[in-house]
Amino acid sequence: MQITSIAAIYFLFWVISAFLMLPFGVRTAEEAGEATVPGQAESAPVNFRPKKLMLRATVFAALATGLFLANYEYRWITVADIDILPKPPSAAD
């Protein structure tokens, strides 16, 4: 596999993991016991830390990319393994 393909797969895993991790570890003003600013949405996060989110996404994307590449190399799971549709009847029947 080419390095550009690996980089593209890593980027896709990074974006997906970043979006999946957005709601974890974030608290609202009500949950944190802090006062809200007039006009502030009730669901607005108080302690959003993008650096921590990016670090988590980077680590998870690296692990997911490593597993993907190992599966690509050793063929643990193939398309035939996940094909759950029934086989079509043959034309001779």
PDB file of N, CA and C in Angstrom:
ATOM      1  N   MET A   1       0.848  -1.175   0.000  1.00  0.00           N
ATOM      2  CA  MET A   1       0.000   0.000   0.000  1.00  0.00           C
ATOM      3  C   MET A   1       0.893   1.237   0.000  1.00  0.00           C
ATOM      4  N   GLN A   2       0.513   2.218  -0.787  1.00  0.00           N
ATOM      5  CA  GLN A   2       1.305   3.431  -0.894  1.00  0.00           C
ATOM      6  C   GLN A   2       1.133   4.314   0.337  1.00  0.00           C
ATOM      7  N   ILE A   3       2.127   5.137   0.594  1.00  0.00           N
ATOM      8  CA  ILE A   3       2.108   6.017   1.769  1.00  0.00           C
ATOM      9  C   ILE A   3       0.979   7.040   1.677  1.00  0.00           C
ATOM     10  N   THR A   4       0.637   7.474   0.473  1.00  0.00           N
ATOM     11  CA  THR A   4      -0.468   8.425   0.332  1.00  0.00           C
ATOM     12  C   THR A   4      -1.800   7.779   0.692  1.00  0.00           C
ATOM     13  N   SER A   5      -1.962   6.504   0.372  1.00  0.00           N
ATOM     14  CA  SER A   5      -3.185   5.784   0.752  1.00  0.00           C
ATOM     15  C   SER A   5      -3.256   5.626   2.270  1.00  0.00           C
ATOM     16  N   ILE A   6      -2.141   5.327   2.888  1.00  0.00           N
ATOM     17  CA  ILE A   6      -2.100   5.200   4.344  1.00  0.00           C
ATOM     18  C   ILE A   6      -2.432   6.532   5.003  1.00  0.00           C
ATOM     19  N   ALA A   7      -1.893   7.623   4.462  1.00  0.00           N
ATOM     20  CA  ALA A   7      -2.181   8.950   5.019  1.00  0.00           C
ATOM     21  C   ALA A   7      -3.660   9.304   4.867  1.00  0.00           C
ATOM     22  N   ALA A   8      -4.255   8.962   3.736  1.00  0.00           N
ATOM     23  CA  ALA A   8      -5.673   9.240   3.526  1.00  0.00           C
ATOM     24  C   ALA A   8      -6.542   8.432   4.481  1.00  0.00           C
ATOM     25  N   ILE A   9      -6.194   7.167   4.692  1.00  0.00           N
ATOM     26  CA  ILE A   9      -6.947   6.322   5.622  1.00  0.00           C
ATOM     27  C   ILE A   9      -6.796   6.853   7.043  1.00  0.00           C
ATOM     28  N   TYR A  10      -5.584   7.261   7.418  1.00  0.00           N
ATOM     29  CA  TYR A  10      -5.361   7.837   8.746  1.00  0.00           C
ATOM     30  C   TYR A  10      -6.206   9.100   8.933  1.00  0.00           C
ATOM     31  N   PHE A  11      -6.235   9.962   7.919  1.00  0.00           N
ATOM     32  CA  PHE A  11      -7.017  11.198   8.004  1.00  0.00           C
ATOM     33  C   PHE A  11      -8.500  10.888   8.188  1.00  0.00           C
ATOM     34  N   LEU A  12      -9.018   9.915   7.454  1.00  0.00           N
ATOM     35  CA  LEU A  12     -10.425   9.546   7.603  1.00  0.00           C
ATOM     36  C   LEU A  12     -10.709   9.017   9.007  1.00  0.00           C
ATOM     37  N   PHE A  13      -9.844   8.149   9.509  1.00  0.00           N
ATOM     38  CA  PHE A  13     -10.019   7.654  10.875  1.00  0.00           C
ATOM     39  C   PHE A  13      -9.919   8.789  11.891  1.00  0.00           C
ATOM     40  N   TRP A  14      -9.049   9.763  11.640  1.00  0.00           N
ATOM     41  CA  TRP A  14      -8.885  10.874  12.577  1.00  0.00           C
ATOM     42  C   TRP A  14     -10.149  11.723  12.635  1.00  0.00           C
ATOM     43  N   VAL A  15     -10.696  12.054  11.481  1.00  0.00           N
ATOM     44  CA  VAL A  15     -11.907  12.891  11.446  1.00  0.00           C
ATOM     45  C   VAL A  15     -13.077  12.167  12.105  1.00  0.00           C
ATOM     46  N   ILE A  16     -13.243  10.891  11.775  1.00  0.00           N
ATOM     47  CA  ILE A  16     -14.344  10.122  12.368  1.00  0.00           C
ATOM     48  C   ILE A  16     -14.186  10.036  13.883  1.00  0.00           C
ATOM     49  N   SER A  17     -12.980   9.752  14.349  1.00  0.00           N
ATOM     50  CA  SER A  17     -12.778   9.626  15.798  1.00  0.00           C
ATOM     51  C   SER A  17     -12.935  10.970  16.500  1.00  0.00           C
ATOM     52  N   ALA A  18     -12.521  12.057  15.868  1.00  0.00           N
ATOM     53  CA  ALA A  18     -12.693  13.375  16.489  1.00  0.00           C
ATOM     54  C   ALA A  18     -14.175  13.694  16.670  1.00  0.00           C
ATOM     55  N   PHE A  19     -14.985  13.428  15.659  1.00  0.00           N
ATOM     56  CA  PHE A  19     -16.413  13.688  15.788  1.00  0.00           C
ATOM     57  C   PHE A  19     -17.081  12.759  16.788  1.00  0.00           C
ATOM     58  N   LEU A  20     -16.614  11.522  16.861  1.00  0.00           N
ATOM     59  CA  LEU A  20     -17.194  10.590  17.822  1.00  0.00           C
ATOM     60  C   LEU A  20     -16.840  10.961  19.263  1.00  0.00           C
ATOM     61  N   MET A  21     -15.690  11.573  19.468  1.00  0.00           N
ATOM     62  CA  MET A  21     -15.242  11.907  20.821  1.00  0.00           C
ATOM     63  C   MET A  21     -15.689  13.290  21.288  1.00  0.00           C
ATOM     64  N   LEU A  22     -16.311  14.066  20.436  1.00  0.00           N
ATOM     65  CA  LEU A  22     -16.732  15.416  20.821  1.00  0.00           C
ATOM     66  C   LEU A  22     -17.584  15.467  22.090  1.00  0.00           C
ATOM     67  N   PRO A  23     -18.588  14.627  22.244  1.00  0.00           N
ATOM     68  CA  PRO A  23     -19.435  14.776  23.436  1.00  0.00           C
ATOM     69  C   PRO A  23     -18.838  14.238  24.735  1.00  0.00           C
ATOM     70  N   PHE A  24     -17.740  13.498  24.681  1.00  0.00           N
ATOM     71  CA  PHE A  24     -17.187  12.901  25.895  1.00  0.00           C
ATOM     72  C   PHE A  24     -16.327  13.903  26.666  1.00  0.00           C
ATOM     73  N   GLY A  25     -16.583  14.000  27.965  1.00  0.00           N
ATOM     74  CA  GLY A  25     -15.788  14.864  28.832  1.00  0.00           C
ATOM     75  C   GLY A  25     -16.197  16.324  28.817  1.00  0.00           C
ATOM     76  N   VAL A  26     -17.279  16.654  28.158  1.00  0.00           N
ATOM     77  CA  VAL A  26     -17.744  18.044  28.082  1.00  0.00           C
ATOM     78  C   VAL A  26     -18.926  18.199  29.024  1.00  0.00           C
ATOM     79  N   ARG A  27     -18.895  19.273  29.815  1.00  0.00           N
ATOM     80  CA  ARG A  27     -19.979  19.541  30.760  1.00  0.00           C
ATOM     81  C   ARG A  27     -20.602  20.885  30.460  1.00  0.00           C
ATOM     82  N   THR A  28     -21.894  20.999  30.726  1.00  0.00           N
ATOM     83  CA  THR A  28     -22.590  22.269  30.540  1.00  0.00           C
ATOM     84  C   THR A  28     -22.412  23.125  31.796  1.00  0.00           C
ATOM     85  N   ALA A  29     -22.846  24.379  31.716  1.00  0.00           N
ATOM     86  CA  ALA A  29     -22.732  25.289  32.859  1.00  0.00           C
ATOM     87  C   ALA A  29     -23.559  24.781  34.034  1.00  0.00           C
ATOM     88  N   GLU A  30     -24.726  24.219  33.757  1.00  0.00           N
ATOM     89  CA  GLU A  30     -25.577  23.684  34.824  1.00  0.00           C
ATOM     90  C   GLU A  30     -24.902  22.512  35.525  1.00  0.00           C
ATOM     91  N   GLU A  31     -24.284  21.615  34.753  1.00  0.00           N
ATOM     92  CA  GLU A  31     -23.598  20.465  35.341  1.00  0.00           C
ATOM     93  C   GLU A  31     -22.369  20.894  36.135  1.00  0.00           C
ATOM     94  N   ALA A  32     -21.702  21.947  35.686  1.00  0.00           N
ATOM     95  CA  ALA A  32     -20.504  22.424  36.371  1.00  0.00           C
ATOM     96  C   ALA A  32     -20.835  23.346  37.545  1.00  0.00           C
ATOM     97  N   GLY A  33     -22.098  23.763  37.661  1.00  0.00           N
ATOM     98  CA  GLY A  33     -22.501  24.641  38.751  1.00  0.00           C
ATOM     99  C   GLY A  33     -22.065  26.082  38.546  1.00  0.00           C
ATOM    100  N   GLU A  34     -21.915  26.502  37.305  1.00  0.00           N
ATOM    101  CA  GLU A  34     -21.500  27.870  36.996  1.00  0.00           C
ATOM    102  C   GLU A  34     -22.678  28.660  36.438  1.00  0.00           C
ATOM    103  N   ALA A  35     -22.574  29.963  36.544  1.00  0.00           N
ATOM    104  CA  ALA A  35     -23.622  30.843  36.022  1.00  0.00           C
ATOM    105  C   ALA A  35     -23.490  30.957  34.507  1.00  0.00           C
ATOM    106  N   THR A  36     -24.622  31.100  33.836  1.00  0.00           N
ATOM    107  CA  THR A  36     -24.594  31.263  32.383  1.00  0.00           C
ATOM    108  C   THR A  36     -24.594  32.740  32.022  1.00  0.00           C
ATOM    109  N   VAL A  37     -24.037  33.033  30.863  1.00  0.00           N
ATOM    110  CA  VAL A  37     -24.013  34.392  30.332  1.00  0.00           C
ATOM    111  C   VAL A  37     -25.342  34.628  29.626  1.00  0.00           C
ATOM    112  N   PRO A  38     -25.930  35.817  29.726  1.00  0.00           N
ATOM    113  CA  PRO A  38     -27.186  36.060  29.010  1.00  0.00           C
ATOM    114  C   PRO A  38     -27.021  35.786  27.509  1.00  0.00           C
ATOM    115  N   GLY A  39     -27.953  34.996  26.955  1.00  0.00           N
ATOM    116  CA  GLY A  39     -27.896  34.632  25.553  1.00  0.00           C
ATOM    117  C   GLY A  39     -27.154  33.344  25.289  1.00  0.00           C
ATOM    118  N   GLN A  40     -26.549  32.776  26.309  1.00  0.00           N
ATOM    119  CA  GLN A  40     -25.797  31.526  26.148  1.00  0.00           C
ATOM    120  C   GLN A  40     -26.762  30.351  26.068  1.00  0.00           C
ATOM    121  N   ALA A  41     -26.512  29.441  25.159  1.00  0.00           N
ATOM    122  CA  ALA A  41     -27.335  28.241  25.052  1.00  0.00           C
ATOM    123  C   ALA A  41     -27.117  27.366  26.272  1.00  0.00           C
ATOM    124  N   GLU A  42     -28.177  26.709  26.707  1.00  0.00           N
ATOM    125  CA  GLU A  42     -28.066  25.844  27.888  1.00  0.00           C
ATOM    126  C   GLU A  42     -27.125  24.671  27.643  1.00  0.00           C
ATOM    127  N   SER A  43     -26.988  24.274  26.393  1.00  0.00           N
ATOM    128  CA  SER A  43     -26.154  23.120  26.069  1.00  0.00           C
ATOM    129  C   SER A  43     -24.711  23.493  25.736  1.00  0.00           C
ATOM    130  N   ALA A  44     -24.355  24.770  25.851  1.00  0.00           N
ATOM    131  CA  ALA A  44     -22.994  25.200  25.510  1.00  0.00           C
ATOM    132  C   ALA A  44     -21.987  24.614  26.503  1.00  0.00           C
ATOM    133  N   PRO A  45     -20.873  24.082  26.006  1.00  0.00           N
ATOM    134  CA  PRO A  45     -19.890  23.494  26.919  1.00  0.00           C
ATOM    135  C   PRO A  45     -19.125  24.555  27.703  1.00  0.00           C
ATOM    136  N   VAL A  46     -18.770  24.195  28.929  1.00  0.00           N
ATOM    137  CA  VAL A  46     -18.009  25.101  29.787  1.00  0.00           C
ATOM    138  C   VAL A  46     -16.518  24.816  29.668  1.00  0.00           C
ATOM    139  N   ASN A  47     -16.160  23.563  29.582  1.00  0.00           N
ATOM    140  CA  ASN A  47     -14.761  23.167  29.660  1.00  0.00           C
ATOM    141  C   ASN A  47     -14.281  22.472  28.384  1.00  0.00           C
ATOM    142  N   PHE A  48     -14.617  22.992  27.225  1.00  0.00           N
ATOM    143  CA  PHE A  48     -14.189  22.376  25.973  1.00  0.00           C
ATOM    144  C   PHE A  48     -12.697  22.585  25.785  1.00  0.00           C
ATOM    145  N   ARG A  49     -11.962  21.484  25.607  1.00  0.00           N
ATOM    146  CA  ARG A  49     -10.509  21.538  25.410  1.00  0.00           C
ATOM    147  C   ARG A  49     -10.157  20.868  24.087  1.00  0.00           C
ATOM    148  N   PRO A  50      -9.980  21.657  23.018  1.00  0.00           N
ATOM    149  CA  PRO A  50      -9.717  21.058  21.709  1.00  0.00           C
ATOM    150  C   PRO A  50      -8.380  20.318  21.624  1.00  0.00           C
ATOM    151  N   LYS A  51      -7.381  20.756  22.386  1.00  0.00           N
ATOM    152  CA  LYS A  51      -6.084  20.054  22.339  1.00  0.00           C
ATOM    153  C   LYS A  51      -6.208  18.631  22.863  1.00  0.00           C
ATOM    154  N   LYS A  52      -6.962  18.459  23.924  1.00  0.00           N
ATOM    155  CA  LYS A  52      -7.170  17.132  24.487  1.00  0.00           C
ATOM    156  C   LYS A  52      -7.957  16.259  23.505  1.00  0.00           C
ATOM    157  N   LEU A  53      -8.950  16.854  22.859  1.00  0.00           N
ATOM    158  CA  LEU A  53      -9.731  16.129  21.855  1.00  0.00           C
ATOM    159  C   LEU A  53      -8.843  15.700  20.691  1.00  0.00           C
ATOM    160  N   MET A  54      -7.984  16.597  20.222  1.00  0.00           N
ATOM    161  CA  MET A  54      -7.099  16.260  19.104  1.00  0.00           C
ATOM    162  C   MET A  54      -6.102  15.168  19.490  1.00  0.00           C
ATOM    163  N   LEU A  55      -5.607  15.192  20.715  1.00  0.00           N
ATOM    164  CA  LEU A  55      -4.684  14.156  21.177  1.00  0.00           C
ATOM    165  C   LEU A  55      -5.374  12.797  21.227  1.00  0.00           C
ATOM    166  N   ARG A  56      -6.580  12.758  21.776  1.00  0.00           N
ATOM    167  CA  ARG A  56      -7.331  11.501  21.824  1.00  0.00           C
ATOM    168  C   ARG A  56      -7.621  10.980  20.420  1.00  0.00           C
ATOM    169  N   ALA A  57      -8.035  11.882  19.526  1.00  0.00           N
ATOM    170  CA  ALA A  57      -8.338  11.477  18.153  1.00  0.00           C
ATOM    171  C   ALA A  57      -7.085  10.972  17.444  1.00  0.00           C
ATOM    172  N   THR A  58      -5.944  11.599  17.705  1.00  0.00           N
ATOM    173  CA  THR A  58      -4.688  11.184  17.087  1.00  0.00           C
ATOM    174  C   THR A  58      -4.288   9.783  17.525  1.00  0.00           C
ATOM    175  N   VAL A  59      -4.392   9.516  18.810  1.00  0.00           N
ATOM    176  CA  VAL A  59      -4.025   8.197  19.330  1.00  0.00           C
ATOM    177  C   VAL A  59      -4.984   7.137  18.798  1.00  0.00           C
ATOM    178  N   PHE A  60      -6.284   7.412  18.853  1.00  0.00           N
ATOM    179  CA  PHE A  60      -7.259   6.436  18.379  1.00  0.00           C
ATOM    180  C   PHE A  60      -7.114   6.186  16.880  1.00  0.00           C
ATOM    181  N   ALA A  61      -6.884   7.243  16.097  1.00  0.00           N
ATOM    182  CA  ALA A  61      -6.723   7.091  14.649  1.00  0.00           C
ATOM    183  C   ALA A  61      -5.463   6.292  14.321  1.00  0.00           C
ATOM    184  N   ALA A  62      -4.406   6.482  15.085  1.00  0.00           N
ATOM    185  CA  ALA A  62      -3.183   5.713  14.854  1.00  0.00           C
ATOM    186  C   ALA A  62      -3.420   4.232  15.133  1.00  0.00           C
ATOM    187  N   LEU A  63      -4.123   3.917  16.217  1.00  0.00           N
ATOM    188  CA  LEU A  63      -4.439   2.525  16.521  1.00  0.00           C
ATOM    189  C   LEU A  63      -5.353   1.912  15.462  1.00  0.00           C
ATOM    190  N   ALA A  64      -6.380   2.642  15.055  1.00  0.00           N
ATOM    191  CA  ALA A  64      -7.313   2.135  14.052  1.00  0.00           C
ATOM    192  C   ALA A  64      -6.618   1.938  12.708  1.00  0.00           C
ATOM    193  N   THR A  65      -5.740   2.863  12.338  1.00  0.00           N
ATOM    194  CA  THR A  65      -4.999   2.720  11.087  1.00  0.00           C
ATOM    195  C   THR A  65      -4.058   1.523  11.165  1.00  0.00           C
ATOM    196  N   GLY A  66      -3.422   1.323  12.288  1.00  0.00           N
ATOM    197  CA  GLY A  66      -2.551   0.163  12.462  1.00  0.00           C
ATOM    198  C   GLY A  66      -3.316  -1.144  12.328  1.00  0.00           C
ATOM    199  N   LEU A  67      -4.500  -1.224  12.943  1.00  0.00           N
ATOM    200  CA  LEU A  67      -5.323  -2.419  12.803  1.00  0.00           C
ATOM    201  C   LEU A  67      -5.788  -2.615  11.364  1.00  0.00           C
ATOM    202  N   PHE A  68      -6.146  -1.527  10.706  1.00  0.00           N
ATOM    203  CA  PHE A  68      -6.571  -1.608   9.313  1.00  0.00           C
ATOM    204  C   PHE A  68      -5.439  -2.130   8.430  1.00  0.00           C
ATOM    205  N   LEU A  69      -4.237  -1.606   8.618  1.00  0.00           N
ATOM    206  CA  LEU A  69      -3.098  -2.046   7.811  1.00  0.00           C
ATOM    207  C   LEU A  69      -2.715  -3.493   8.106  1.00  0.00           C
ATOM    208  N   ALA A  70      -2.805  -3.898   9.369  1.00  0.00           N
ATOM    209  CA  ALA A  70      -2.516  -5.295   9.708  1.00  0.00           C
ATOM    210  C   ALA A  70      -3.543  -6.222   9.059  1.00  0.00           C
ATOM    211  N   ASN A  71      -4.805  -5.816   9.062  1.00  0.00           N
ATOM    212  CA  ASN A  71      -5.828  -6.617   8.405  1.00  0.00           C
ATOM    213  C   ASN A  71      -5.602  -6.643   6.890  1.00  0.00           C
ATOM    214  N   TYR A  72      -5.162  -5.552   6.332  1.00  0.00           N
ATOM    215  CA  TYR A  72      -4.870  -5.493   4.899  1.00  0.00           C
ATOM    216  C   TYR A  72      -3.719  -6.442   4.547  1.00  0.00           C
ATOM    217  N   GLU A  73      -2.741  -6.497   5.411  1.00  0.00           N
ATOM    218  CA  GLU A  73      -1.567  -7.341   5.157  1.00  0.00           C
ATOM    219  C   GLU A  73      -1.858  -8.828   5.380  1.00  0.00           C
ATOM    220  N   TYR A  74      -2.507  -9.147   6.494  1.00  0.00           N
ATOM    221  CA  TYR A  74      -2.697 -10.543   6.878  1.00  0.00           C
ATOM    222  C   TYR A  74      -4.067 -11.115   6.505  1.00  0.00           C
ATOM    223  N   ARG A  75      -4.971 -10.276   6.014  1.00  0.00           N
ATOM    224  CA  ARG A  75      -6.295 -10.707   5.538  1.00  0.00           C
ATOM    225  C   ARG A  75      -7.070 -11.507   6.603  1.00  0.00           C
ATOM    226  N   TRP A  76      -7.182 -10.938   7.797  1.00  0.00           N
ATOM    227  CA  TRP A  76      -7.951 -11.586   8.854  1.00  0.00           C
ATOM    228  C   TRP A  76      -9.437 -11.602   8.511  1.00  0.00           C
ATOM    229  N   ILE A  77      -9.942 -10.449   8.051  1.00  0.00           N
ATOM    230  CA  ILE A  77     -11.347 -10.323   7.681  1.00  0.00           C
ATOM    231  C   ILE A  77     -11.392  -9.872   6.228  1.00  0.00           C
ATOM    232  N   THR A  78     -12.071 -10.648   5.398  1.00  0.00           N
ATOM    233  CA  THR A  78     -12.187 -10.316   3.980  1.00  0.00           C
ATOM    234  C   THR A  78     -13.640 -10.008   3.642  1.00  0.00           C
ATOM    235  N   VAL A  79     -13.883  -9.609   2.408  1.00  0.00           N
ATOM    236  CA  VAL A  79     -15.236  -9.325   1.965  1.00  0.00           C
ATOM    237  C   VAL A  79     -16.094 -10.588   2.031  1.00  0.00           C
ATOM    238  N   ALA A  80     -15.508 -11.716   1.709  1.00  0.00           N
ATOM    239  CA  ALA A  80     -16.254 -12.978   1.769  1.00  0.00           C
ATOM    240  C   ALA A  80     -16.712 -13.299   3.194  1.00  0.00           C
ATOM    241  N   ASP A  81     -15.958 -12.849   4.195  1.00  0.00           N
ATOM    242  CA  ASP A  81     -16.328 -13.107   5.584  1.00  0.00           C
ATOM    243  C   ASP A  81     -17.543 -12.292   6.025  1.00  0.00           C
ATOM    244  N   ILE A  82     -17.737 -11.129   5.452  1.00  0.00           N
ATOM    245  CA  ILE A  82     -18.845 -10.270   5.872  1.00  0.00           C
ATOM    246  C   ILE A  82     -19.998 -10.273   4.884  1.00  0.00           C
ATOM    247  N   ASP A  83     -19.946 -11.138   3.863  1.00  0.00           N
ATOM    248  CA  ASP A  83     -21.022 -11.249   2.882  1.00  0.00           C
ATOM    249  C   ASP A  83     -22.164 -12.038   3.510  1.00  0.00           C
ATOM    250  N   ILE A  84     -23.241 -11.343   3.902  1.00  0.00           N
ATOM    251  CA  ILE A  84     -24.348 -11.995   4.599  1.00  0.00           C
ATOM    252  C   ILE A  84     -25.543 -12.224   3.685  1.00  0.00           C
ATOM    253  N   LEU A  85     -25.497 -11.735   2.471  1.00  0.00           N
ATOM    254  CA  LEU A  85     -26.607 -11.926   1.551  1.00  0.00           C
ATOM    255  C   LEU A  85     -26.605 -13.352   1.005  1.00  0.00           C
ATOM    256  N   PRO A  86     -27.779 -13.905   0.765  1.00  0.00           N
ATOM    257  CA  PRO A  86     -27.816 -15.263   0.222  1.00  0.00           C
ATOM    258  C   PRO A  86     -27.297 -15.284  -1.207  1.00  0.00           C
ATOM    259  N   LYS A  87     -26.760 -16.415  -1.591  1.00  0.00           N
ATOM    260  CA  LYS A  87     -26.245 -16.567  -2.949  1.00  0.00           C
ATOM    261  C   LYS A  87     -27.421 -16.623  -3.925  1.00  0.00           C
ATOM    262  N   PRO A  88     -27.309 -15.970  -5.086  1.00  0.00           N
ATOM    263  CA  PRO A  88     -28.409 -16.016  -6.060  1.00  0.00           C
ATOM    264  C   PRO A  88     -28.518 -17.416  -6.662  1.00  0.00           C
ATOM    265  N   PRO A  89     -29.715 -17.794  -7.041  1.00  0.00           N
ATOM    266  CA  PRO A  89     -29.860 -19.114  -7.656  1.00  0.00           C
ATOM    267  C   PRO A  89     -29.111 -19.155  -8.978  1.00  0.00           C
ATOM    268  N   SER A  90     -28.563 -20.318  -9.308  1.00  0.00           N
ATOM    269  CA  SER A  90     -27.787 -20.427 -10.530  1.00  0.00           C
ATOM    270  C   SER A  90     -28.726 -20.434 -11.733  1.00  0.00           C
ATOM    271  N   ALA A  91     -28.203 -20.092 -12.893  1.00  0.00           N
ATOM    272  CA  ALA A  91     -29.001 -20.009 -14.114  1.00  0.00           C
ATOM    273  C   ALA A  91     -29.402 -21.383 -14.608  1.00  0.00           C
ATOM    274  N   ALA A  92     -28.693 -22.436 -14.179  1.00  0.00           N
ATOM    275  CA  ALA A  92     -28.998 -23.791 -14.635  1.00  0.00           C
ATOM    276  C   ALA A  92     -30.240 -24.362 -13.950  1.00  0.00           C
ATOM    277  N   ASP A  93     -30.636 -23.839 -12.808  1.00  0.00           N
ATOM    278  CA  ASP A  93     -31.797 -24.385 -12.079  1.00  0.00           C
ATOM    279  C   ASP A  93     -33.089 -24.049 -12.713  1.00  0.00           C
TER     280      ASP A  93
END
